Protein backbone atom coordinates (compact mmCIF):
# COMPACT_ATOMS: atom_id res chain seq x y z
CA MET A 1 -31.45 7.46 -3.25
CA LYS A 2 -34.54 5.29 -3.02
CA GLU A 3 -35.57 6.70 -6.42
CA LEU A 4 -32.52 5.14 -8.07
CA LEU A 5 -33.09 1.83 -6.27
CA GLU A 6 -36.72 1.72 -7.45
CA HIS A 7 -35.64 2.58 -11.00
CA LEU A 8 -33.00 -0.16 -11.03
CA GLN A 9 -35.52 -2.66 -9.65
CA ALA A 10 -37.88 -1.88 -12.54
CA TYR A 11 -35.28 -3.36 -14.92
CA ILE A 12 -33.14 -5.80 -12.93
CA LEU A 13 -33.24 -7.81 -9.73
CA ILE A 14 -31.23 -6.04 -7.07
CA SER A 15 -31.30 -6.39 -3.32
CA GLU A 16 -31.20 -3.55 -0.84
CA GLU A 17 -27.88 -4.94 0.45
CA GLU A 18 -26.37 -4.74 -3.04
CA PHE A 19 -27.77 -1.25 -3.44
CA LYS A 20 -26.03 -0.08 -0.26
CA GLN A 21 -22.75 -0.84 -2.03
CA ILE A 22 -23.92 0.59 -5.36
CA GLU A 23 -24.96 3.94 -3.90
CA THR A 24 -21.39 4.58 -2.69
CA TYR A 25 -20.42 5.14 -6.36
CA PHE A 26 -22.76 8.15 -6.64
CA GLU A 27 -22.69 11.72 -5.42
CA CYS A 28 -25.86 13.68 -4.71
CA PHE A 29 -26.11 17.41 -5.34
CA GLU A 30 -28.63 20.15 -5.97
CA VAL A 31 -28.80 22.50 -8.93
CA LYS A 32 -30.68 25.78 -9.06
CA LYS A 33 -32.96 26.71 -11.95
CA LYS A 34 -30.97 27.95 -14.99
CA GLN A 35 -27.68 26.63 -13.57
CA ASP A 36 -25.47 24.66 -15.96
CA ILE A 37 -24.09 21.28 -14.90
CA ASN A 38 -22.19 20.52 -18.10
CA SER A 39 -20.51 23.14 -20.22
CA PHE A 40 -19.79 23.29 -23.91
CA LYS A 41 -16.18 22.45 -24.80
CA ASN A 42 -15.54 20.73 -21.47
CA ILE A 43 -15.20 16.96 -21.39
CA SER A 44 -18.24 15.24 -19.91
CA ASN A 45 -16.95 13.21 -17.01
CA TYR A 46 -20.29 12.39 -15.41
CA ASN A 47 -23.55 10.65 -16.08
CA PHE A 48 -26.50 12.30 -14.30
CA PHE A 49 -29.66 10.73 -12.86
CA VAL A 50 -32.50 13.12 -12.07
CA VAL A 51 -34.02 12.48 -8.65
CA LYS A 52 -36.16 15.63 -8.70
CA GLY A 53 -36.58 18.40 -11.26
CA CYS A 54 -35.98 18.81 -14.96
CA LEU A 55 -32.85 19.27 -17.07
CA ASN A 56 -32.44 20.49 -20.66
CA MET A 57 -29.59 19.47 -22.96
CA TYR A 58 -28.96 21.95 -25.75
CA PHE A 59 -26.39 23.32 -28.16
CA ILE A 60 -26.01 26.78 -29.63
CA ASN A 61 -26.75 26.79 -33.36
CA ASP A 62 -25.13 28.92 -36.09
CA LYS A 63 -27.67 31.69 -35.46
CA GLY A 64 -26.62 31.88 -31.80
CA GLU A 65 -29.87 30.30 -30.63
CA ASN A 66 -30.23 27.50 -28.10
CA GLN A 67 -31.43 24.27 -29.73
CA SER A 68 -32.83 21.77 -27.20
CA VAL A 69 -32.12 18.12 -27.96
CA GLN A 70 -33.15 16.31 -24.77
CA PHE A 71 -35.02 16.82 -21.54
CA ALA A 72 -34.67 14.70 -18.42
CA ILE A 73 -37.14 14.54 -15.56
CA GLU A 74 -37.34 12.25 -12.55
CA ASN A 75 -35.80 8.81 -13.14
CA TRP A 76 -34.13 9.84 -16.42
CA TRP A 77 -30.44 9.86 -17.21
CA ILE A 78 -28.71 12.64 -19.12
CA SER A 79 -25.16 13.20 -20.33
CA ASP A 80 -23.21 13.90 -23.49
CA LEU A 81 -22.53 10.20 -23.91
CA LEU A 82 -20.07 10.54 -26.79
CA SER A 83 -18.01 13.06 -24.84
CA LEU A 84 -18.15 10.78 -21.80
CA HIS A 85 -17.23 7.68 -23.81
CA ARG A 86 -14.59 9.19 -26.10
CA ASN A 87 -13.11 11.66 -23.61
CA LYS A 88 -13.70 14.47 -26.14
CA LYS A 89 -14.97 18.00 -25.65
CA SER A 90 -18.74 18.24 -25.35
CA VAL A 91 -20.87 20.06 -27.92
CA PHE A 92 -23.76 20.41 -25.44
CA PHE A 93 -24.77 22.33 -22.37
CA ILE A 94 -26.98 20.78 -19.69
CA GLN A 95 -29.02 23.30 -17.73
CA ALA A 96 -31.64 23.04 -14.99
CA VAL A 97 -35.16 23.99 -16.11
CA GLU A 98 -36.28 23.69 -12.47
CA ASN A 99 -34.46 23.38 -9.17
CA CYS A 100 -33.08 19.84 -9.24
CA LYS A 101 -31.73 17.09 -7.06
CA ILE A 102 -29.31 14.98 -9.07
CA LEU A 103 -27.17 11.91 -8.61
CA SER A 104 -23.93 11.86 -10.54
CA ILE A 105 -21.53 9.08 -11.28
CA SER A 106 -18.11 9.71 -12.75
CA LYS A 107 -16.93 7.77 -15.76
CA LYS A 108 -14.28 6.12 -13.58
CA ASN A 109 -16.80 5.10 -10.92
CA GLN A 110 -19.29 3.89 -13.50
CA GLU A 111 -16.65 1.60 -15.02
CA LYS A 112 -15.81 0.22 -11.56
CA LEU A 113 -19.51 -0.25 -10.81
CA LEU A 114 -20.08 -2.18 -14.03
CA ILE A 115 -17.20 -4.52 -13.23
CA GLU A 116 -18.29 -5.13 -9.65
CA PHE A 117 -22.01 -5.44 -10.50
CA PRO A 118 -22.45 -6.91 -14.01
CA LYS A 119 -26.23 -6.72 -13.65
CA ILE A 120 -25.88 -2.91 -13.72
CA GLU A 121 -24.38 -3.25 -17.18
CA ARG A 122 -27.59 -5.05 -18.21
CA TYR A 123 -29.59 -2.18 -16.70
CA PHE A 124 -27.69 0.44 -18.72
CA ARG A 125 -27.97 -1.65 -21.89
CA ILE A 126 -31.73 -1.81 -21.52
CA ILE A 127 -32.23 1.90 -20.82
CA TYR A 128 -29.87 2.91 -23.64
CA GLN A 129 -31.69 0.63 -26.08
CA VAL A 130 -34.97 2.27 -25.12
CA ALA A 131 -33.42 5.74 -25.40
CA LEU A 132 -31.95 5.02 -28.83
CA GLY A 133 -35.26 3.64 -30.07
CA ALA A 134 -37.10 6.72 -28.80
CA SER A 135 -34.54 9.00 -30.50
CA LEU A 136 -35.05 7.22 -33.82
CA TYR A 137 -38.83 7.62 -33.55
CA ARG A 138 -38.34 11.30 -32.73
CA ILE A 139 -36.19 11.80 -35.83
CA LYS A 140 -38.75 9.98 -37.99
CA PHE A 141 -41.55 12.11 -36.56
CA LEU A 142 -39.62 15.35 -37.14
CA TYR A 143 -39.22 14.43 -40.82
CA GLN A 144 -42.80 13.29 -41.39
CA ALA A 145 -45.05 15.45 -39.25
CA SER A 146 -46.17 18.99 -39.92
CA LYS A 147 -45.13 21.69 -37.47
CA ALA A 148 -48.54 21.72 -35.82
CA GLU A 149 -48.61 17.89 -35.62
CA ARG A 150 -45.22 17.91 -33.89
CA TYR A 151 -46.40 20.35 -31.26
CA PHE A 152 -49.79 18.77 -30.51
CA HIS A 153 -48.35 15.24 -30.52
CA PHE A 154 -45.76 16.31 -27.97
CA ILE A 155 -48.37 17.98 -25.75
CA LYS A 156 -50.73 14.99 -25.94
CA HIS A 157 -48.17 12.20 -25.54
CA HIS A 158 -45.77 13.84 -23.09
CA PRO A 159 -47.88 15.77 -20.58
CA GLU A 160 -45.24 15.15 -17.90
CA PHE A 161 -42.95 17.46 -19.90
CA ALA A 162 -45.51 19.78 -21.46
CA GLN A 163 -46.79 20.98 -18.10
CA ARG A 164 -43.33 21.70 -16.69
CA ILE A 165 -41.22 22.96 -19.56
CA PRO A 166 -41.58 26.53 -20.85
CA GLN A 167 -43.13 26.81 -24.32
CA TYR A 168 -39.97 28.35 -25.81
CA LEU A 169 -37.97 25.25 -24.82
CA ILE A 170 -40.64 22.93 -26.22
CA ALA A 171 -40.52 24.94 -29.45
CA SER A 172 -36.74 24.61 -29.56
CA PHE A 173 -36.94 20.85 -28.98
CA LEU A 174 -39.44 20.45 -31.81
CA GLY A 175 -37.56 22.68 -34.27
CA LEU A 176 -40.21 25.42 -34.08
CA THR A 177 -40.11 29.08 -33.20
CA PRO A 178 -41.76 30.32 -29.99
CA GLU A 179 -43.85 32.67 -32.13
CA TYR A 180 -45.20 29.76 -34.17
CA VAL A 181 -46.08 27.82 -31.00
CA SER A 182 -47.94 30.87 -29.65
CA GLU A 183 -49.82 31.21 -32.93
CA ILE A 184 -50.99 27.58 -33.13
CA ARG A 185 -51.87 27.55 -29.44
CA ALA A 186 -54.00 30.69 -29.92
CA LYS A 187 -55.79 29.16 -32.91
CA ASN A 188 -56.40 25.86 -31.13
CA PHE A 189 -57.58 27.32 -27.82
CA SER A 190 -59.74 30.13 -29.18
């Protein structure tokens, strides 16, 4: 759990003694590639922190195709936050892109943790503010950029994802078809 401690310390002051108490609120588990950890129409009861690996959050669109909306790699959180917060059925799946090691915290334990350690509430506020800001920039970019610009911007500015995530998932995340991604890659690299 040293990864979580280091991530917390990047945002808030926290001692190793405090962290020994904090880590008792979490469970650690492993997920195999292509295994789901959150299923559509189930209530999300957990928030997940990626220690190792990569996760993909997606929904199934009207055409029956998977539409990726978020990826999470090491030191990223992922959950259907509205389902978690409102205790409503999720509209998303979360699936492992790679074999993963994940920390989970239940909604109940997270609430207890925030009460016992108010500085953790500050931590979550900061990371959620950053995540919301990034989501808004992504939406703006999707509206303004051409298809090719979306793809090459993603590859250039997010190499940590681009090298690990299959092209068809990147295409889905950017609102492109895998065929289009293959075509622009062929043109650019020929």
